[in-house]
Amino acid sequence: MKDSLAVGLSHRKAVVVTEDMAPPHLPAKVLSTPSMVGLIEAACLEAAQAHLDDGQTTVGTHVNISHTGPAMAGEEITVFVELDEIVKRRLRFNVEVSSPRESISTGTHERAVVDLSRFG
């Protein structure tokens, strides 16, 4: 890990909700919780990756979020993540997802820094 990986590091990502992000059991095309979790994980990975050494990446280890409102297909949502804590190789991010109307998710996501050689 590089010294630039520090508490306070943040990343904001705008994403347009697509119909394939919707749960198949609902008649409305809204952002599903699993799709939202994937977007949160991607934003945290993007925030950290440039601050890791060559041959390192992060993997998700824990998700603790709410999902309190809808985001409709075609709407642009914002995923905001901020690195809150670093303990050895563990990274904890505070996360928030907002629709054009309101915050639809808050919580935390934890990731671990791993060496890619472990997967060889």
PDB file of N, CA and C in Angstrom:
ATOM      1  N   MET A   1       0.853  -1.183   0.000  1.00  0.00           N
ATOM      2  CA  MET A   1       0.000   0.000   0.000  1.00  0.00           C
ATOM      3  C   MET A   1       0.893   1.239   0.000  1.00  0.00           C
ATOM      4  N   LYS A   2       0.467   2.233  -0.720  1.00  0.00           N
ATOM      5  CA  LYS A   2       1.215   3.480  -0.796  1.00  0.00           C
ATOM      6  C   LYS A   2       0.804   4.395   0.358  1.00  0.00           C
ATOM      7  N   ASP A   3       1.670   5.356   0.677  1.00  0.00           N
ATOM      8  CA  ASP A   3       1.361   6.317   1.742  1.00  0.00           C
ATOM      9  C   ASP A   3       0.153   7.177   1.412  1.00  0.00           C
ATOM     10  N   SER A   4      -0.188   7.274   0.132  1.00  0.00           N
ATOM     11  CA  SER A   4      -1.328   8.103  -0.273  1.00  0.00           C
ATOM     12  C   SER A   4      -2.670   7.465   0.084  1.00  0.00           C
ATOM     13  N   LEU A   5      -2.676   6.181   0.446  1.00  0.00           N
ATOM     14  CA  LEU A   5      -3.906   5.537   0.921  1.00  0.00           C
ATOM     15  C   LEU A   5      -4.103   5.984   2.358  1.00  0.00           C
ATOM     16  N   ALA A   6      -5.004   6.939   2.555  1.00  0.00           N
ATOM     17  CA  ALA A   6      -5.154   7.573   3.858  1.00  0.00           C
ATOM     18  C   ALA A   6      -6.619   7.830   4.177  1.00  0.00           C
ATOM     19  N   VAL A   7      -6.912   7.862   5.468  1.00  0.00           N
ATOM     20  CA  VAL A   7      -8.258   8.205   5.920  1.00  0.00           C
ATOM     21  C   VAL A   7      -8.646   9.551   5.320  1.00  0.00           C
ATOM     22  N   GLY A   8      -9.878   9.655   4.866  1.00  0.00           N
ATOM     23  CA  GLY A   8     -10.372  10.878   4.230  1.00  0.00           C
ATOM     24  C   GLY A   8     -10.408  10.797   2.717  1.00  0.00           C
ATOM     25  N   LEU A   9      -9.701   9.814   2.146  1.00  0.00           N
ATOM     26  CA  LEU A   9      -9.749   9.601   0.705  1.00  0.00           C
ATOM     27  C   LEU A   9     -11.201   9.365   0.293  1.00  0.00           C
ATOM     28  N   SER A  10     -11.663  10.045  -0.747  1.00  0.00           N
ATOM     29  CA  SER A  10     -13.059   9.883  -1.158  1.00  0.00           C
ATOM     30  C   SER A  10     -13.167   9.740  -2.670  1.00  0.00           C
ATOM     31  N   HIS A  11     -14.320   9.251  -3.070  1.00  0.00           N
ATOM     32  CA  HIS A  11     -14.593   9.042  -4.492  1.00  0.00           C
ATOM     33  C   HIS A  11     -16.093   9.191  -4.710  1.00  0.00           C
ATOM     34  N   ARG A  12     -16.458   9.867  -5.782  1.00  0.00           N
ATOM     35  CA  ARG A  12     -17.859  10.054  -6.150  1.00  0.00           C
ATOM     36  C   ARG A  12     -18.052   9.515  -7.560  1.00  0.00           C
ATOM     37  N   LYS A  13     -19.114   8.723  -7.721  1.00  0.00           N
ATOM     38  CA  LYS A  13     -19.367   8.095  -9.021  1.00  0.00           C
ATOM     39  C   LYS A  13     -20.836   8.291  -9.390  1.00  0.00           C
ATOM     40  N   ALA A  14     -21.090   8.808 -10.579  1.00  0.00           N
ATOM     41  CA  ALA A  14     -22.454   8.946 -11.096  1.00  0.00           C
ATOM     42  C   ALA A  14     -22.748   7.749 -11.985  1.00  0.00           C
ATOM     43  N   VAL A  15     -23.923   7.162 -11.795  1.00  0.00           N
ATOM     44  CA  VAL A  15     -24.319   5.964 -12.541  1.00  0.00           C
ATOM     45  C   VAL A  15     -25.779   6.112 -12.966  1.00  0.00           C
ATOM     46  N   VAL A  16     -26.083   5.776 -14.201  1.00  0.00           N
ATOM     47  CA  VAL A  16     -27.470   5.745 -14.660  1.00  0.00           C
ATOM     48  C   VAL A  16     -28.025   4.349 -14.391  1.00  0.00           C
ATOM     49  N   VAL A  17     -29.142   4.288 -13.698  1.00  0.00           N
ATOM     50  CA  VAL A  17     -29.791   3.016 -13.385  1.00  0.00           C
ATOM     51  C   VAL A  17     -30.366   2.446 -14.677  1.00  0.00           C
ATOM     52  N   THR A  18     -30.061   1.189 -14.949  1.00  0.00           N
ATOM     53  CA  THR A  18     -30.568   0.527 -16.143  1.00  0.00           C
ATOM     54  C   THR A  18     -31.596  -0.539 -15.749  1.00  0.00           C
ATOM     55  N   GLU A  19     -32.406  -0.940 -16.703  1.00  0.00           N
ATOM     56  CA  GLU A  19     -33.453  -1.928 -16.422  1.00  0.00           C
ATOM     57  C   GLU A  19     -32.880  -3.253 -15.934  1.00  0.00           C
ATOM     58  N   ASP A  20     -31.684  -3.610 -16.381  1.00  0.00           N
ATOM     59  CA  ASP A  20     -31.104  -4.882 -15.938  1.00  0.00           C
ATOM     60  C   ASP A  20     -30.627  -4.839 -14.483  1.00  0.00           C
ATOM     61  N   MET A  21     -30.671  -3.666 -13.838  1.00  0.00           N
ATOM     62  CA  MET A  21     -30.336  -3.535 -12.421  1.00  0.00           C
ATOM     63  C   MET A  21     -31.555  -3.755 -11.523  1.00  0.00           C
ATOM     64  N   ALA A  22     -32.705  -4.005 -12.128  1.00  0.00           N
ATOM     65  CA  ALA A  22     -33.959  -4.151 -11.380  1.00  0.00           C
ATOM     66  C   ALA A  22     -34.166  -5.591 -10.920  1.00  0.00           C
ATOM     67  N   PRO A  23     -34.875  -5.771  -9.793  1.00  0.00           N
ATOM     68  CA  PRO A  23     -35.210  -7.127  -9.375  1.00  0.00           C
ATOM     69  C   PRO A  23     -36.270  -7.712 -10.305  1.00  0.00           C
ATOM     70  N   PRO A  24     -36.130  -8.969 -10.708  1.00  0.00           N
ATOM     71  CA  PRO A  24     -37.060  -9.545 -11.680  1.00  0.00           C
ATOM     72  C   PRO A  24     -38.473  -9.772 -11.140  1.00  0.00           C
ATOM     73  N   HIS A  25     -38.646  -9.766  -9.828  1.00  0.00           N
ATOM     74  CA  HIS A  25     -39.957 -10.067  -9.247  1.00  0.00           C
ATOM     75  C   HIS A  25     -40.837  -8.834  -9.053  1.00  0.00           C
ATOM     76  N   LEU A  26     -40.321  -7.638  -9.387  1.00  0.00           N
ATOM     77  CA  LEU A  26     -41.112  -6.422  -9.239  1.00  0.00           C
ATOM     78  C   LEU A  26     -41.575  -5.903 -10.596  1.00  0.00           C
ATOM     79  N   PRO A  27     -42.783  -5.330 -10.657  1.00  0.00           N
ATOM     80  CA  PRO A  27     -43.248  -4.781 -11.929  1.00  0.00           C
ATOM     81  C   PRO A  27     -42.547  -3.471 -12.290  1.00  0.00           C
ATOM     82  N   ALA A  28     -42.069  -2.723 -11.278  1.00  0.00           N
ATOM     83  CA  ALA A  28     -41.378  -1.455 -11.534  1.00  0.00           C
ATOM     84  C   ALA A  28     -39.892  -1.717 -11.753  1.00  0.00           C
ATOM     85  N   LYS A  29     -39.301  -0.971 -12.645  1.00  0.00           N
ATOM     86  CA  LYS A  29     -37.870  -1.099 -12.922  1.00  0.00           C
ATOM     87  C   LYS A  29     -37.119  -0.139 -11.998  1.00  0.00           C
ATOM     88  N   VAL A  30     -36.749  -0.661 -10.819  1.00  0.00           N
ATOM     89  CA  VAL A  30     -36.039   0.116  -9.808  1.00  0.00           C
ATOM     90  C   VAL A  30     -34.714  -0.578  -9.470  1.00  0.00           C
ATOM     91  N   LEU A  31     -33.801   0.167  -8.931  1.00  0.00           N
ATOM     92  CA  LEU A  31     -32.496  -0.363  -8.550  1.00  0.00           C
ATOM     93  C   LEU A  31     -32.654  -1.411  -7.454  1.00  0.00           C
ATOM     94  N   SER A  32     -32.123  -2.604  -7.702  1.00  0.00           N
ATOM     95  CA  SER A  32     -32.172  -3.667  -6.700  1.00  0.00           C
ATOM     96  C   SER A  32     -31.058  -3.470  -5.672  1.00  0.00           C
ATOM     97  N   THR A  33     -31.253  -4.051  -4.507  1.00  0.00           N
ATOM     98  CA  THR A  33     -30.218  -3.977  -3.473  1.00  0.00           C
ATOM     99  C   THR A  33     -28.923  -4.657  -3.926  1.00  0.00           C
ATOM    100  N   PRO A  34     -28.969  -5.856  -4.521  1.00  0.00           N
ATOM    101  CA  PRO A  34     -27.704  -6.450  -4.976  1.00  0.00           C
ATOM    102  C   PRO A  34     -26.963  -5.582  -6.004  1.00  0.00           C
ATOM    103  N   SER A  35     -27.694  -4.946  -6.894  1.00  0.00           N
ATOM    104  CA  SER A  35     -27.047  -4.065  -7.869  1.00  0.00           C
ATOM    105  C   SER A  35     -26.421  -2.862  -7.179  1.00  0.00           C
ATOM    106  N   MET A  36     -27.123  -2.323  -6.180  1.00  0.00           N
ATOM    107  CA  MET A  36     -26.592  -1.182  -5.432  1.00  0.00           C
ATOM    108  C   MET A  36     -25.320  -1.575  -4.684  1.00  0.00           C
ATOM    109  N   VAL A  37     -25.315  -2.740  -4.078  1.00  0.00           N
ATOM    110  CA  VAL A  37     -24.120  -3.220  -3.381  1.00  0.00           C
ATOM    111  C   VAL A  37     -22.948  -3.326  -4.363  1.00  0.00           C
ATOM    112  N   GLY A  38     -23.210  -3.817  -5.557  1.00  0.00           N
ATOM    113  CA  GLY A  38     -22.165  -3.906  -6.576  1.00  0.00           C
ATOM    114  C   GLY A  38     -21.596  -2.543  -6.941  1.00  0.00           C
ATOM    115  N   LEU A  39     -22.465  -1.549  -7.028  1.00  0.00           N
ATOM    116  CA  LEU A  39     -22.013  -0.185  -7.336  1.00  0.00           C
ATOM    117  C   LEU A  39     -21.171   0.386  -6.203  1.00  0.00           C
ATOM    118  N   ILE A  40     -21.573   0.107  -4.966  1.00  0.00           N
ATOM    119  CA  ILE A  40     -20.811   0.567  -3.800  1.00  0.00           C
ATOM    120  C   ILE A  40     -19.433  -0.094  -3.784  1.00  0.00           C
ATOM    121  N   GLU A  41     -19.406  -1.401  -4.010  1.00  0.00           N
ATOM    122  CA  GLU A  41     -18.127  -2.111  -4.034  1.00  0.00           C
ATOM    123  C   GLU A  41     -17.213  -1.558  -5.126  1.00  0.00           C
ATOM    124  N   ALA A  42     -17.770  -1.312  -6.300  1.00  0.00           N
ATOM    125  CA  ALA A  42     -16.972  -0.780  -7.410  1.00  0.00           C
ATOM    126  C   ALA A  42     -16.404   0.594  -7.078  1.00  0.00           C
ATOM    127  N   ALA A  43     -17.204   1.445  -6.448  1.00  0.00           N
ATOM    128  CA  ALA A  43     -16.737   2.790  -6.095  1.00  0.00           C
ATOM    129  C   ALA A  43     -15.610   2.724  -5.060  1.00  0.00           C
ATOM    130  N   CYS A  44     -15.726   1.825  -4.089  1.00  0.00           N
ATOM    131  CA  CYS A  44     -14.670   1.674  -3.077  1.00  0.00           C
ATOM    132  C   CYS A  44     -13.394   1.144  -3.719  1.00  0.00           C
ATOM    133  N   LEU A  45     -13.532   0.174  -4.607  1.00  0.00           N
ATOM    134  CA  LEU A  45     -12.373  -0.360  -5.325  1.00  0.00           C
ATOM    135  C   LEU A  45     -11.697   0.745  -6.128  1.00  0.00           C
ATOM    136  N   GLU A  46     -12.483   1.529  -6.848  1.00  0.00           N
ATOM    137  CA  GLU A  46     -11.931   2.628  -7.644  1.00  0.00           C
ATOM    138  C   GLU A  46     -11.222   3.650  -6.757  1.00  0.00           C
ATOM    139  N   ALA A  47     -11.775   3.928  -5.591  1.00  0.00           N
ATOM    140  CA  ALA A  47     -11.163   4.903  -4.679  1.00  0.00           C
ATOM    141  C   ALA A  47      -9.793   4.431  -4.219  1.00  0.00           C
ATOM    142  N   ALA A  48      -9.671   3.151  -3.919  1.00  0.00           N
ATOM    143  CA  ALA A  48      -8.436   2.626  -3.330  1.00  0.00           C
ATOM    144  C   ALA A  48      -7.378   2.221  -4.341  1.00  0.00           C
ATOM    145  N   GLN A  49      -7.771   1.730  -5.508  1.00  0.00           N
ATOM    146  CA  GLN A  49      -6.848   1.037  -6.411  1.00  0.00           C
ATOM    147  C   GLN A  49      -5.600   1.844  -6.773  1.00  0.00           C
ATOM    148  N   ALA A  50      -5.750   3.115  -7.049  1.00  0.00           N
ATOM    149  CA  ALA A  50      -4.594   3.933  -7.448  1.00  0.00           C
ATOM    150  C   ALA A  50      -3.597   4.119  -6.303  1.00  0.00           C
ATOM    151  N   HIS A  51      -4.007   3.791  -5.092  1.00  0.00           N
ATOM    152  CA  HIS A  51      -3.162   3.984  -3.915  1.00  0.00           C
ATOM    153  C   HIS A  51      -2.566   2.681  -3.405  1.00  0.00           C
ATOM    154  N   LEU A  52      -2.663   1.636  -4.227  1.00  0.00           N
ATOM    155  CA  LEU A  52      -2.094   0.336  -3.874  1.00  0.00           C
ATOM    156  C   LEU A  52      -0.830   0.085  -4.678  1.00  0.00           C
ATOM    157  N   ASP A  53      -0.008  -0.804  -4.164  1.00  0.00           N
ATOM    158  CA  ASP A  53       1.206  -1.180  -4.885  1.00  0.00           C
ATOM    159  C   ASP A  53       0.844  -2.064  -6.076  1.00  0.00           C
ATOM    160  N   ASP A  54       1.762  -2.149  -7.038  1.00  0.00           N
ATOM    161  CA  ASP A  54       1.572  -3.067  -8.159  1.00  0.00           C
ATOM    162  C   ASP A  54       1.368  -4.468  -7.609  1.00  0.00           C
ATOM    163  N   GLY A  55       0.440  -5.194  -8.204  1.00  0.00           N
ATOM    164  CA  GLY A  55       0.178  -6.547  -7.755  1.00  0.00           C
ATOM    165  C   GLY A  55      -0.769  -6.645  -6.575  1.00  0.00           C
ATOM    166  N   GLN A  56      -1.363  -5.525  -6.179  1.00  0.00           N
ATOM    167  CA  GLN A  56      -2.341  -5.524  -5.090  1.00  0.00           C
ATOM    168  C   GLN A  56      -3.703  -5.073  -5.597  1.00  0.00           C
ATOM    169  N   THR A  57      -4.737  -5.527  -4.934  1.00  0.00           N
ATOM    170  CA  THR A  57      -6.098  -5.057  -5.166  1.00  0.00           C
ATOM    171  C   THR A  57      -6.843  -5.176  -3.844  1.00  0.00           C
ATOM    172  N   THR A  58      -8.133  -4.896  -3.868  1.00  0.00           N
ATOM    173  CA  THR A  58      -8.944  -5.079  -2.664  1.00  0.00           C
ATOM    174  C   THR A  58     -10.094  -6.029  -2.978  1.00  0.00           C
ATOM    175  N   VAL A  59     -10.546  -6.707  -1.929  1.00  0.00           N
ATOM    176  CA  VAL A  59     -11.720  -7.567  -2.028  1.00  0.00           C
ATOM    177  C   VAL A  59     -12.681  -7.182  -0.915  1.00  0.00           C
ATOM    178  N   GLY A  60     -13.973  -7.279  -1.196  1.00  0.00           N
ATOM    179  CA  GLY A  60     -14.981  -6.958  -0.200  1.00  0.00           C
ATOM    180  C   GLY A  60     -15.026  -8.012   0.891  1.00  0.00           C
ATOM    181  N   THR A  61     -15.194  -7.554   2.139  1.00  0.00           N
ATOM    182  CA  THR A  61     -15.264  -8.473   3.278  1.00  0.00           C
ATOM    183  C   THR A  61     -16.508  -8.274   4.133  1.00  0.00           C
ATOM    184  N   HIS A  62     -17.131  -7.093   4.053  1.00  0.00           N
ATOM    185  CA  HIS A  62     -18.311  -6.846   4.882  1.00  0.00           C
ATOM    186  C   HIS A  62     -19.109  -5.682   4.295  1.00  0.00           C
ATOM    187  N   VAL A  63     -20.431  -5.826   4.300  1.00  0.00           N
ATOM    188  CA  VAL A  63     -21.324  -4.767   3.835  1.00  0.00           C
ATOM    189  C   VAL A  63     -22.387  -4.552   4.912  1.00  0.00           C
ATOM    190  N   ASN A  64     -22.583  -3.305   5.319  1.00  0.00           N
ATOM    191  CA  ASN A  64     -23.611  -2.960   6.298  1.00  0.00           C
ATOM    192  C   ASN A  64     -24.277  -1.668   5.814  1.00  0.00           C
ATOM    193  N   ILE A  65     -25.349  -1.833   5.035  1.00  0.00           N
ATOM    194  CA  ILE A  65     -25.997  -0.665   4.433  1.00  0.00           C
ATOM    195  C   ILE A  65     -27.511  -0.742   4.598  1.00  0.00           C
ATOM    196  N   SER A  66     -28.131   0.411   4.454  1.00  0.00           N
ATOM    197  CA  SER A  66     -29.588   0.501   4.360  1.00  0.00           C
ATOM    198  C   SER A  66     -29.963   0.588   2.889  1.00  0.00           C
ATOM    199  N   HIS A  67     -31.221   0.368   2.599  1.00  0.00           N
ATOM    200  CA  HIS A  67     -31.771   0.645   1.257  1.00  0.00           C
ATOM    201  C   HIS A  67     -33.165   1.198   1.517  1.00  0.00           C
ATOM    202  N   THR A  68     -33.266   2.530   1.573  1.00  0.00           N
ATOM    203  CA  THR A  68     -34.464   3.188   2.101  1.00  0.00           C
ATOM    204  C   THR A  68     -35.328   3.890   1.073  1.00  0.00           C
ATOM    205  N   GLY A  69     -34.940   3.868  -0.184  1.00  0.00           N
ATOM    206  CA  GLY A  69     -35.751   4.543  -1.194  1.00  0.00           C
ATOM    207  C   GLY A  69     -35.443   4.027  -2.577  1.00  0.00           C
ATOM    208  N   PRO A  70     -36.317   4.328  -3.536  1.00  0.00           N
ATOM    209  CA  PRO A  70     -36.128   3.817  -4.895  1.00  0.00           C
ATOM    210  C   PRO A  70     -35.286   4.734  -5.771  1.00  0.00           C
ATOM    211  N   ALA A  71     -34.711   4.122  -6.771  1.00  0.00           N
ATOM    212  CA  ALA A  71     -34.109   4.847  -7.889  1.00  0.00           C
ATOM    213  C   ALA A  71     -34.630   4.145  -9.138  1.00  0.00           C
ATOM    214  N   MET A  72     -35.296   4.874  -9.983  1.00  0.00           N
ATOM    215  CA  MET A  72     -35.950   4.316 -11.163  1.00  0.00           C
ATOM    216  C   MET A  72     -34.961   4.158 -12.320  1.00  0.00           C
ATOM    217  N   ALA A  73     -35.217   3.176 -13.170  1.00  0.00           N
ATOM    218  CA  ALA A  73     -34.418   3.017 -14.391  1.00  0.00           C
ATOM    219  C   ALA A  73     -34.441   4.329 -15.170  1.00  0.00           C
ATOM    220  N   GLY A  74     -33.291   4.728 -15.653  1.00  0.00           N
ATOM    221  CA  GLY A  74     -33.158   5.991 -16.383  1.00  0.00           C
ATOM    222  C   GLY A  74     -32.677   7.137 -15.519  1.00  0.00           C
ATOM    223  N   GLU A  75     -32.777   6.997 -14.205  1.00  0.00           N
ATOM    224  CA  GLU A  75     -32.315   8.054 -13.303  1.00  0.00           C
ATOM    225  C   GLU A  75     -30.816   7.921 -13.047  1.00  0.00           C
ATOM    226  N   GLU A  76     -30.179   9.065 -12.850  1.00  0.00           N
ATOM    227  CA  GLU A  76     -28.770   9.063 -12.474  1.00  0.00           C
ATOM    228  C   GLU A  76     -28.666   9.112 -10.958  1.00  0.00           C
ATOM    229  N   ILE A  77     -27.934   8.167 -10.393  1.00  0.00           N
ATOM    230  CA  ILE A  77     -27.694   8.158  -8.950  1.00  0.00           C
ATOM    231  C   ILE A  77     -26.230   8.494  -8.703  1.00  0.00           C
ATOM    232  N   THR A  78     -25.935   8.876  -7.484  1.00  0.00           N
ATOM    233  CA  THR A  78     -24.573   9.186  -7.086  1.00  0.00           C
ATOM    234  C   THR A  78     -24.162   8.267  -5.957  1.00  0.00           C
ATOM    235  N   VAL A  79     -23.015   7.643  -6.123  1.00  0.00           N
ATOM    236  CA  VAL A  79     -22.421   6.804  -5.082  1.00  0.00           C
ATOM    237  C   VAL A  79     -21.227   7.577  -4.537  1.00  0.00           C
ATOM    238  N   PHE A  80     -21.252   7.850  -3.229  1.00  0.00           N
ATOM    239  CA  PHE A  80     -20.156   8.574  -2.580  1.00  0.00           C
ATOM    240  C   PHE A  80     -19.556   7.679  -1.510  1.00  0.00           C
ATOM    241  N   VAL A  81     -18.237   7.513  -1.560  1.00  0.00           N
ATOM    242  CA  VAL A  81     -17.542   6.688  -0.576  1.00  0.00           C
ATOM    243  C   VAL A  81     -16.381   7.490   0.007  1.00  0.00           C
ATOM    244  N   GLU A  82     -16.129   7.276   1.285  1.00  0.00           N
ATOM    245  CA  GLU A  82     -15.020   7.949   1.954  1.00  0.00           C
ATOM    246  C   GLU A  82     -14.336   6.973   2.895  1.00  0.00           C
ATOM    247  N   LEU A  83     -13.026   6.856   2.752  1.00  0.00           N
ATOM    248  CA  LEU A  83     -12.245   5.952   3.588  1.00  0.00           C
ATOM    249  C   LEU A  83     -12.227   6.489   5.015  1.00  0.00           C
ATOM    250  N   ASP A  84     -12.757   5.699   5.928  1.00  0.00           N
ATOM    251  CA  ASP A  84     -12.941   6.114   7.318  1.00  0.00           C
ATOM    252  C   ASP A  84     -11.907   5.514   8.266  1.00  0.00           C
ATOM    253  N   GLU A  85     -11.415   4.323   7.936  1.00  0.00           N
ATOM    254  CA  GLU A  85     -10.494   3.654   8.860  1.00  0.00           C
ATOM    255  C   GLU A  85      -9.595   2.690   8.101  1.00  0.00           C
ATOM    256  N   ILE A  86      -8.335   2.631   8.518  1.00  0.00           N
ATOM    257  CA  ILE A  86      -7.373   1.668   8.001  1.00  0.00           C
ATOM    258  C   ILE A  86      -6.785   0.937   9.196  1.00  0.00           C
ATOM    259  N   VAL A  87      -6.941  -0.367   9.214  1.00  0.00           N
ATOM    260  CA  VAL A  87      -6.327  -1.206  10.248  1.00  0.00           C
ATOM    261  C   VAL A  87      -5.560  -2.302   9.526  1.00  0.00           C
ATOM    262  N   LYS A  88      -4.252  -2.188   9.522  1.00  0.00           N
ATOM    263  CA  LYS A  88      -3.372  -3.090   8.775  1.00  0.00           C
ATOM    264  C   LYS A  88      -3.817  -3.126   7.315  1.00  0.00           C
ATOM    265  N   ARG A  89      -4.369  -4.238   6.835  1.00  0.00           N
ATOM    266  CA  ARG A  89      -4.809  -4.357   5.443  1.00  0.00           C
ATOM    267  C   ARG A  89      -6.317  -4.192   5.294  1.00  0.00           C
ATOM    268  N   ARG A  90      -7.011  -3.826   6.357  1.00  0.00           N
ATOM    269  CA  ARG A  90      -8.468  -3.666   6.330  1.00  0.00           C
ATOM    270  C   ARG A  90      -8.817  -2.193   6.118  1.00  0.00           C
ATOM    271  N   LEU A  91      -9.723  -1.955   5.168  1.00  0.00           N
ATOM    272  CA  LEU A  91     -10.181  -0.594   4.849  1.00  0.00           C
ATOM    273  C   LEU A  91     -11.677  -0.531   5.123  1.00  0.00           C
ATOM    274  N   ARG A  92     -12.115   0.499   5.859  1.00  0.00           N
ATOM    275  CA  ARG A  92     -13.554   0.690   6.069  1.00  0.00           C
ATOM    276  C   ARG A  92     -13.968   2.021   5.447  1.00  0.00           C
ATOM    277  N   PHE A  93     -14.999   1.947   4.604  1.00  0.00           N
ATOM    278  CA  PHE A  93     -15.521   3.120   3.917  1.00  0.00           C
ATOM    279  C   PHE A  93     -16.905   3.469   4.463  1.00  0.00           C
ATOM    280  N   ASN A  94     -17.171   4.752   4.666  1.00  0.00           N
ATOM    281  CA  ASN A  94     -18.536   5.229   4.848  1.00  0.00           C
ATOM    282  C   ASN A  94     -19.090   5.425   3.446  1.00  0.00           C
ATOM    283  N   VAL A  95     -20.345   5.011   3.237  1.00  0.00           N
ATOM    284  CA  VAL A  95     -20.922   5.066   1.904  1.00  0.00           C
ATOM    285  C   VAL A  95     -22.298   5.725   1.931  1.00  0.00           C
ATOM    286  N   GLU A  96     -22.636   6.386   0.830  1.00  0.00           N
ATOM    287  CA  GLU A  96     -23.974   6.947   0.657  1.00  0.00           C
ATOM    288  C   GLU A  96     -24.333   6.886  -0.819  1.00  0.00           C
ATOM    289  N   VAL A  97     -25.567   6.479  -1.091  1.00  0.00           N
ATOM    290  CA  VAL A  97     -26.087   6.469  -2.452  1.00  0.00           C
ATOM    291  C   VAL A  97     -27.284   7.409  -2.468  1.00  0.00           C
ATOM    292  N   SER A  98     -27.314   8.318  -3.445  1.00  0.00           N
ATOM    293  CA  SER A  98     -28.392   9.302  -3.544  1.00  0.00           C
ATOM    294  C   SER A  98     -29.057   9.224  -4.902  1.00  0.00           C
ATOM    295  N   SER A  99     -30.393   9.340  -4.894  1.00  0.00           N
ATOM    296  CA  SER A  99     -31.166   9.466  -6.121  1.00  0.00           C
ATOM    297  C   SER A  99     -31.377  10.959  -6.362  1.00  0.00           C
ATOM    298  N   PRO A 100     -32.035  11.325  -7.460  1.00  0.00           N
ATOM    299  CA  PRO A 100     -32.312  12.740  -7.677  1.00  0.00           C
ATOM    300  C   PRO A 100     -33.198  13.355  -6.581  1.00  0.00           C
ATOM    301  N   ARG A 101     -33.918  12.520  -5.849  1.00  0.00           N
ATOM    302  CA  ARG A 101     -34.849  13.018  -4.827  1.00  0.00           C
ATOM    303  C   ARG A 101     -34.313  12.985  -3.406  1.00  0.00           C
ATOM    304  N   GLU A 102     -33.477  11.962  -3.092  1.00  0.00           N
ATOM    305  CA  GLU A 102     -33.117  11.763  -1.684  1.00  0.00           C
ATOM    306  C   GLU A 102     -31.971  10.777  -1.554  1.00  0.00           C
ATOM    307  N   SER A 103     -31.455  10.669  -0.336  1.00  0.00           N
ATOM    308  CA  SER A 103     -30.502   9.618  -0.017  1.00  0.00           C
ATOM    309  C   SER A 103     -31.268   8.305   0.030  1.00  0.00           C
ATOM    310  N   ILE A 104     -30.742   7.280  -0.655  1.00  0.00           N
ATOM    311  CA  ILE A 104     -31.437   5.994  -0.662  1.00  0.00           C
ATOM    312  C   ILE A 104     -30.639   4.902   0.043  1.00  0.00           C
ATOM    313  N   SER A 105     -29.406   5.216   0.447  1.00  0.00           N
ATOM    314  CA  SER A 105     -28.606   4.229   1.153  1.00  0.00           C
ATOM    315  C   SER A 105     -27.486   4.909   1.920  1.00  0.00           C
ATOM    316  N   THR A 106     -27.254   4.426   3.130  1.00  0.00           N
ATOM    317  CA  THR A 106     -26.095   4.832   3.912  1.00  0.00           C
ATOM    318  C   THR A 106     -25.557   3.597   4.622  1.00  0.00           C
ATOM    319  N   GLY A 107     -24.310   3.671   5.013  1.00  0.00           N
ATOM    320  CA  GLY A 107     -23.738   2.570   5.765  1.00  0.00           C
ATOM    321  C   GLY A 107     -22.238   2.506   5.614  1.00  0.00           C
ATOM    322  N   THR A 108     -21.706   1.277   5.755  1.00  0.00           N
ATOM    323  CA  THR A 108     -20.273   1.064   5.655  1.00  0.00           C
ATOM    324  C   THR A 108     -19.986  -0.146   4.773  1.00  0.00           C
ATOM    325  N   HIS A 109     -18.815  -0.118   4.197  1.00  0.00           N
ATOM    326  CA  HIS A 109     -18.325  -1.260   3.409  1.00  0.00           C
ATOM    327  C   HIS A 109     -16.855  -1.451   3.762  1.00  0.00           C
ATOM    328  N   GLU A 110     -16.480  -2.687   4.060  1.00  0.00           N
ATOM    329  CA  GLU A 110     -15.101  -2.999   4.388  1.00  0.00           C
ATOM    330  C   GLU A 110     -14.468  -3.823   3.275  1.00  0.00           C
ATOM    331  N   ARG A 111     -13.197  -3.536   3.033  1.00  0.00           N
ATOM    332  CA  ARG A 111     -12.430  -4.253   2.021  1.00  0.00           C
ATOM    333  C   ARG A 111     -11.077  -4.613   2.608  1.00  0.00           C
ATOM    334  N   ALA A 112     -10.479  -5.655   2.076  1.00  0.00           N
ATOM    335  CA  ALA A 112      -9.136  -6.070   2.481  1.00  0.00           C
ATOM    336  C   ALA A 112      -8.191  -5.930   1.303  1.00  0.00           C
ATOM    337  N   VAL A 113      -7.001  -5.434   1.576  1.00  0.00           N
ATOM    338  CA  VAL A 113      -5.966  -5.356   0.561  1.00  0.00           C
ATOM    339  C   VAL A 113      -5.326  -6.745   0.447  1.00  0.00           C
ATOM    340  N   VAL A 114      -5.289  -7.258  -0.763  1.00  0.00           N
ATOM    341  CA  VAL A 114      -4.719  -8.588  -1.006  1.00  0.00           C
ATOM    342  C   VAL A 114      -3.699  -8.519  -2.143  1.00  0.00           C
ATOM    343  N   ASP A 115      -2.774  -9.470  -2.095  1.00  0.00           N
ATOM    344  CA  ASP A 115      -1.802  -9.613  -3.168  1.00  0.00           C
ATOM    345  C   ASP A 115      -2.393 -10.515  -4.237  1.00  0.00           C
ATOM    346  N   LEU A 116      -2.362 -10.068  -5.480  1.00  0.00           N
ATOM    347  CA  LEU A 116      -2.928 -10.854  -6.582  1.00  0.00           C
ATOM    348  C   LEU A 116      -2.238 -12.201  -6.743  1.00  0.00           C
ATOM    349  N   SER A 117      -1.023 -12.318  -6.288  1.00  0.00           N
ATOM    350  CA  SER A 117      -0.296 -13.584  -6.415  1.00  0.00           C
ATOM    351  C   SER A 117      -0.973 -14.702  -5.630  1.00  0.00           C
ATOM    352  N   ARG A 118      -1.814 -14.363  -4.666  1.00  0.00           N
ATOM    353  CA  ARG A 118      -2.545 -15.365  -3.889  1.00  0.00           C
ATOM    354  C   ARG A 118      -3.564 -16.107  -4.751  1.00  0.00           C
ATOM    355  N   PHE A 119      -3.927 -15.517  -5.902  1.00  0.00           N
ATOM    356  CA  PHE A 119      -4.959 -16.093  -6.749  1.00  0.00           C
ATOM    357  C   PHE A 119      -4.384 -16.835  -7.948  1.00  0.00           C
ATOM    358  N   GLY A 120      -3.072 -17.040  -7.975  1.00  0.00           N
ATOM    359  CA  GLY A 120      -2.405 -17.622  -9.124  1.00  0.00           C
ATOM    360  C   GLY A 120      -2.471 -19.068  -9.208  1.00  0.00           C
TER     361      GLY A 120
END
